[in-house]
């Protein structure tokens, strides 16, 4: 089983499809951020399980284990960059003179 692990596919899987409709009332920024955190956590847990399965000899394919670990790594990097951008925006707002 070959999975598409391109960054575009990964980003699309992290955020819900709105079907071309703007649903800002139902899905806010905090909901999207919470969803991204939970999906990153799930990817990390799956990578840990795959690594344990490989160590115990239960995993049949090293390739799938490595894909899972890379997916978790990319998810974590994306989440860290989202945090960095949010912090930069907050700091910029705090520097504004009112």
N, C-alpha and C. Protein backbone atom coordinates (compact mmCIF):
# COMPACT_ATOMS: atom_id res chain seq x y z
N UNK A 1 0.84 -1.17 0.00
CA UNK A 1 0.00 0.00 0.00
C UNK A 1 0.89 1.24 0.00
N UNK A 2 0.77 2.05 -1.04
CA UNK A 2 1.58 3.26 -1.16
C UNK A 2 0.70 4.45 -0.81
N UNK A 3 1.22 5.29 0.08
CA UNK A 3 0.48 6.48 0.49
C UNK A 3 1.11 7.71 -0.13
N UNK A 4 0.28 8.67 -0.48
CA UNK A 4 0.76 9.94 -0.99
C UNK A 4 1.15 10.80 0.22
N UNK A 5 2.43 11.15 0.34
CA UNK A 5 2.87 11.93 1.49
C UNK A 5 3.34 13.31 1.09
N UNK A 6 2.83 13.83 -0.03
CA UNK A 6 3.24 15.16 -0.45
C UNK A 6 2.73 16.18 0.56
N UNK A 7 3.39 17.32 0.64
CA UNK A 7 3.03 18.34 1.62
C UNK A 7 1.64 18.88 1.35
N UNK A 8 1.26 18.96 0.07
CA UNK A 8 -0.07 19.44 -0.28
C UNK A 8 -1.15 18.50 0.26
N UNK A 9 -0.95 17.22 0.07
CA UNK A 9 -1.90 16.22 0.57
C UNK A 9 -1.96 16.26 2.09
N UNK A 10 -0.81 16.43 2.72
CA UNK A 10 -0.76 16.46 4.18
C UNK A 10 -1.51 17.68 4.72
N UNK A 11 -1.30 18.84 4.10
CA UNK A 11 -2.00 20.04 4.55
C UNK A 11 -3.50 19.91 4.36
N UNK A 12 -3.91 19.34 3.22
CA UNK A 12 -5.34 19.17 2.98
C UNK A 12 -5.96 18.21 3.98
N UNK A 13 -5.20 17.22 4.43
CA UNK A 13 -5.75 16.26 5.39
C UNK A 13 -5.86 16.85 6.80
N UNK A 14 -5.06 17.89 7.08
CA UNK A 14 -5.10 18.49 8.41
C UNK A 14 -6.27 19.43 8.60
N UNK A 15 -6.77 20.02 7.51
CA UNK A 15 -7.84 20.99 7.62
C UNK A 15 -9.10 20.47 6.94
N UNK A 16 -10.24 20.68 7.56
CA UNK A 16 -11.48 20.15 6.99
C UNK A 16 -11.81 20.83 5.67
N UNK A 17 -12.44 20.06 4.78
CA UNK A 17 -12.87 20.58 3.50
C UNK A 17 -14.21 21.28 3.70
N UNK A 18 -14.28 22.55 3.33
CA UNK A 18 -15.51 23.31 3.51
C UNK A 18 -16.41 23.25 2.30
N UNK A 19 -15.96 22.63 1.23
CA UNK A 19 -16.78 22.50 0.04
C UNK A 19 -17.05 23.82 -0.66
N UNK A 20 -16.12 24.76 -0.54
CA UNK A 20 -16.28 26.05 -1.19
C UNK A 20 -17.13 27.02 -0.40
N UNK A 21 -17.67 26.60 0.73
CA UNK A 21 -18.50 27.47 1.54
C UNK A 21 -17.68 27.98 2.71
N UNK A 22 -17.94 29.21 3.07
CA UNK A 22 -17.26 29.77 4.24
C UNK A 22 -18.09 29.46 5.46
N UNK A 23 -17.54 28.71 6.36
CA UNK A 23 -18.27 28.35 7.57
C UNK A 23 -17.51 28.85 8.79
N UNK A 24 -17.25 30.15 8.81
CA UNK A 24 -16.49 30.73 9.91
C UNK A 24 -17.26 30.65 11.22
N UNK A 25 -18.58 30.56 11.15
CA UNK A 25 -19.37 30.47 12.37
C UNK A 25 -19.21 29.10 13.02
N UNK A 26 -19.02 28.06 12.21
CA UNK A 26 -18.93 26.73 12.79
C UNK A 26 -17.48 26.31 13.04
N UNK A 27 -16.55 26.77 12.22
CA UNK A 27 -15.16 26.38 12.39
C UNK A 27 -14.30 27.63 12.51
N UNK A 28 -13.82 27.88 13.69
CA UNK A 28 -12.99 29.04 13.91
C UNK A 28 -11.52 28.67 13.92
N UNK A 29 -10.69 29.66 14.13
CA UNK A 29 -9.25 29.44 14.15
C UNK A 29 -8.86 28.50 15.28
N UNK A 30 -9.48 28.67 16.43
CA UNK A 30 -9.12 27.81 17.56
C UNK A 30 -9.49 26.35 17.29
N UNK A 31 -10.60 26.13 16.59
CA UNK A 31 -10.99 24.76 16.23
C UNK A 31 -9.99 24.15 15.26
N UNK A 32 -9.57 24.94 14.28
CA UNK A 32 -8.59 24.44 13.31
C UNK A 32 -7.26 24.15 13.99
N UNK A 33 -6.86 25.02 14.91
CA UNK A 33 -5.61 24.81 15.63
C UNK A 33 -5.68 23.59 16.52
N UNK A 34 -6.80 23.41 17.21
CA UNK A 34 -6.96 22.23 18.07
C UNK A 34 -6.95 20.96 17.23
N UNK A 35 -7.57 21.01 16.06
CA UNK A 35 -7.59 19.85 15.17
C UNK A 35 -6.18 19.53 14.67
N UNK A 36 -5.41 20.57 14.32
CA UNK A 36 -4.03 20.36 13.86
C UNK A 36 -3.18 19.75 14.97
N UNK A 37 -3.37 20.21 16.20
CA UNK A 37 -2.61 19.65 17.33
C UNK A 37 -2.99 18.19 17.57
N UNK A 38 -4.29 17.89 17.51
CA UNK A 38 -4.70 16.51 17.76
C UNK A 38 -4.22 15.58 16.64
N UNK A 39 -4.24 16.04 15.39
CA UNK A 39 -3.76 15.21 14.29
C UNK A 39 -2.24 15.01 14.36
N UNK A 40 -1.52 16.05 14.80
CA UNK A 40 -0.08 15.90 14.97
C UNK A 40 0.22 14.91 16.09
N UNK A 41 -0.53 14.99 17.17
CA UNK A 41 -0.36 14.04 18.26
C UNK A 41 -0.65 12.62 17.80
N UNK A 42 -1.71 12.46 17.00
CA UNK A 42 -2.06 11.13 16.49
C UNK A 42 -0.96 10.58 15.58
N UNK A 43 -0.39 11.45 14.75
CA UNK A 43 0.70 11.02 13.87
C UNK A 43 1.92 10.61 14.69
N UNK A 44 2.21 11.34 15.75
CA UNK A 44 3.34 10.99 16.63
C UNK A 44 3.11 9.65 17.31
N UNK A 45 1.88 9.44 17.80
CA UNK A 45 1.57 8.17 18.47
C UNK A 45 1.64 6.99 17.49
N UNK A 46 1.15 7.19 16.26
CA UNK A 46 1.22 6.14 15.25
C UNK A 46 2.67 5.82 14.90
N UNK A 47 3.51 6.85 14.81
CA UNK A 47 4.93 6.63 14.51
C UNK A 47 5.60 5.86 15.65
N UNK A 48 5.25 6.19 16.89
CA UNK A 48 5.81 5.46 18.03
C UNK A 48 5.39 4.00 18.02
N UNK A 49 4.12 3.76 17.71
CA UNK A 49 3.63 2.37 17.65
C UNK A 49 4.33 1.59 16.54
N UNK A 50 4.53 2.26 15.40
CA UNK A 50 5.21 1.60 14.28
C UNK A 50 6.66 1.29 14.63
N UNK A 51 7.33 2.20 15.35
CA UNK A 51 8.71 1.96 15.75
C UNK A 51 8.81 0.80 16.73
N UNK A 52 7.87 0.72 17.66
CA UNK A 52 7.86 -0.39 18.61
C UNK A 52 7.58 -1.70 17.88
N UNK A 53 6.65 -1.66 16.93
CA UNK A 53 6.35 -2.87 16.15
C UNK A 53 7.58 -3.33 15.36
N UNK A 54 8.35 -2.39 14.85
CA UNK A 54 9.56 -2.73 14.12
C UNK A 54 10.60 -3.35 15.05
N UNK A 55 10.73 -2.80 16.23
CA UNK A 55 11.71 -3.31 17.19
C UNK A 55 11.35 -4.70 17.69
N UNK A 56 10.07 -4.97 17.81
CA UNK A 56 9.66 -6.28 18.30
C UNK A 56 9.51 -7.31 17.19
N UNK A 57 9.68 -6.88 15.96
CA UNK A 57 9.60 -7.81 14.84
C UNK A 57 8.20 -8.00 14.29
N UNK A 58 7.24 -7.22 14.76
CA UNK A 58 5.87 -7.35 14.29
C UNK A 58 5.62 -6.61 12.98
N UNK A 59 6.43 -5.59 12.71
CA UNK A 59 6.27 -4.82 11.46
C UNK A 59 6.89 -5.61 10.32
N UNK A 60 6.17 -5.68 9.22
CA UNK A 60 6.65 -6.43 8.08
C UNK A 60 7.45 -5.58 7.10
N UNK A 61 7.19 -4.28 7.10
CA UNK A 61 7.77 -3.43 6.07
C UNK A 61 8.44 -2.21 6.71
N UNK A 62 9.73 -2.10 6.57
CA UNK A 62 10.48 -0.96 7.09
C UNK A 62 10.04 0.33 6.40
N UNK A 63 9.70 0.20 5.12
CA UNK A 63 9.30 1.37 4.34
C UNK A 63 8.08 2.07 4.95
N UNK A 64 7.07 1.32 5.35
CA UNK A 64 5.88 1.91 5.94
C UNK A 64 6.18 2.54 7.29
N UNK A 65 7.08 1.95 8.05
CA UNK A 65 7.47 2.52 9.34
C UNK A 65 8.16 3.87 9.12
N UNK A 66 9.05 3.93 8.15
CA UNK A 66 9.75 5.17 7.86
C UNK A 66 8.80 6.24 7.34
N UNK A 67 7.83 5.85 6.53
CA UNK A 67 6.83 6.82 6.06
C UNK A 67 6.03 7.40 7.22
N UNK A 68 5.65 6.57 8.15
CA UNK A 68 4.91 7.03 9.33
C UNK A 68 5.74 7.98 10.17
N UNK A 69 7.01 7.68 10.31
CA UNK A 69 7.88 8.55 11.09
C UNK A 69 8.10 9.89 10.39
N UNK A 70 8.24 9.87 9.08
CA UNK A 70 8.41 11.11 8.33
C UNK A 70 7.13 11.95 8.35
N UNK A 71 5.99 11.30 8.28
CA UNK A 71 4.72 12.02 8.36
C UNK A 71 4.60 12.73 9.71
N UNK A 72 4.98 12.03 10.77
CA UNK A 72 4.94 12.64 12.11
C UNK A 72 5.92 13.81 12.20
N UNK A 73 7.08 13.67 11.59
CA UNK A 73 8.08 14.74 11.61
C UNK A 73 7.58 15.97 10.86
N UNK A 74 6.97 15.75 9.70
CA UNK A 74 6.45 16.87 8.91
C UNK A 74 5.31 17.55 9.65
N UNK A 75 4.45 16.76 10.30
CA UNK A 75 3.35 17.33 11.07
C UNK A 75 3.88 18.21 12.20
N UNK A 76 4.90 17.73 12.88
CA UNK A 76 5.46 18.50 13.98
C UNK A 76 6.12 19.78 13.48
N UNK A 77 6.84 19.70 12.37
CA UNK A 77 7.47 20.90 11.82
C UNK A 77 6.43 21.93 11.41
N UNK A 78 5.34 21.47 10.80
CA UNK A 78 4.28 22.38 10.39
C UNK A 78 3.64 23.04 11.61
N UNK A 79 3.40 22.27 12.64
CA UNK A 79 2.80 22.82 13.85
C UNK A 79 3.71 23.84 14.52
N UNK A 80 5.01 23.57 14.55
CA UNK A 80 5.96 24.51 15.13
C UNK A 80 5.99 25.81 14.33
N UNK A 81 5.95 25.70 13.00
CA UNK A 81 5.94 26.91 12.18
C UNK A 81 4.64 27.70 12.37
N UNK A 82 3.53 27.01 12.54
CA UNK A 82 2.27 27.70 12.82
C UNK A 82 2.36 28.46 14.14
N UNK A 83 2.96 27.82 15.13
CA UNK A 83 3.14 28.48 16.42
C UNK A 83 4.03 29.69 16.29
N UNK A 84 5.13 29.55 15.54
CA UNK A 84 6.06 30.66 15.36
C UNK A 84 5.38 31.85 14.68
N UNK A 85 4.59 31.57 13.65
CA UNK A 85 3.89 32.65 12.95
C UNK A 85 2.86 33.32 13.85
N UNK A 86 2.16 32.54 14.66
CA UNK A 86 1.18 33.12 15.58
C UNK A 86 1.88 33.99 16.63
N UNK A 87 3.02 33.55 17.11
CA UNK A 87 3.78 34.34 18.08
C UNK A 87 4.31 35.63 17.45
N UNK A 88 4.78 35.54 16.22
CA UNK A 88 5.25 36.74 15.53
C UNK A 88 4.11 37.75 15.35
N UNK A 89 2.93 37.26 14.98
CA UNK A 89 1.78 38.13 14.81
C UNK A 89 1.39 38.78 16.14
N UNK A 90 1.40 38.00 17.20
CA UNK A 90 1.07 38.53 18.53
C UNK A 90 2.07 39.60 18.95
N UNK A 91 3.35 39.34 18.74
CA UNK A 91 4.37 40.32 19.11
C UNK A 91 4.24 41.60 18.28
N UNK A 92 3.89 41.46 17.01
CA UNK A 92 3.70 42.63 16.16
C UNK A 92 2.51 43.46 16.65
N UNK A 93 1.44 42.80 17.05
CA UNK A 93 0.28 43.51 17.57
C UNK A 93 0.64 44.23 18.87
N UNK A 94 1.43 43.59 19.72
CA UNK A 94 1.82 44.21 21.00
C UNK A 94 2.73 45.42 20.79
N UNK A 95 3.45 45.46 19.67
CA UNK A 95 4.34 46.60 19.40
C UNK A 95 3.58 47.80 18.82
N UNK A 96 2.35 47.57 18.37
CA UNK A 96 1.57 48.67 17.78
C UNK A 96 1.22 49.71 18.83
N UNK A 97 1.28 50.95 18.41
CA UNK A 97 0.90 52.04 19.31
C UNK A 97 -0.56 52.36 19.08
N UNK A 98 -1.27 52.49 20.20
CA UNK A 98 -2.70 52.79 20.09
C UNK A 98 -2.98 54.20 20.49
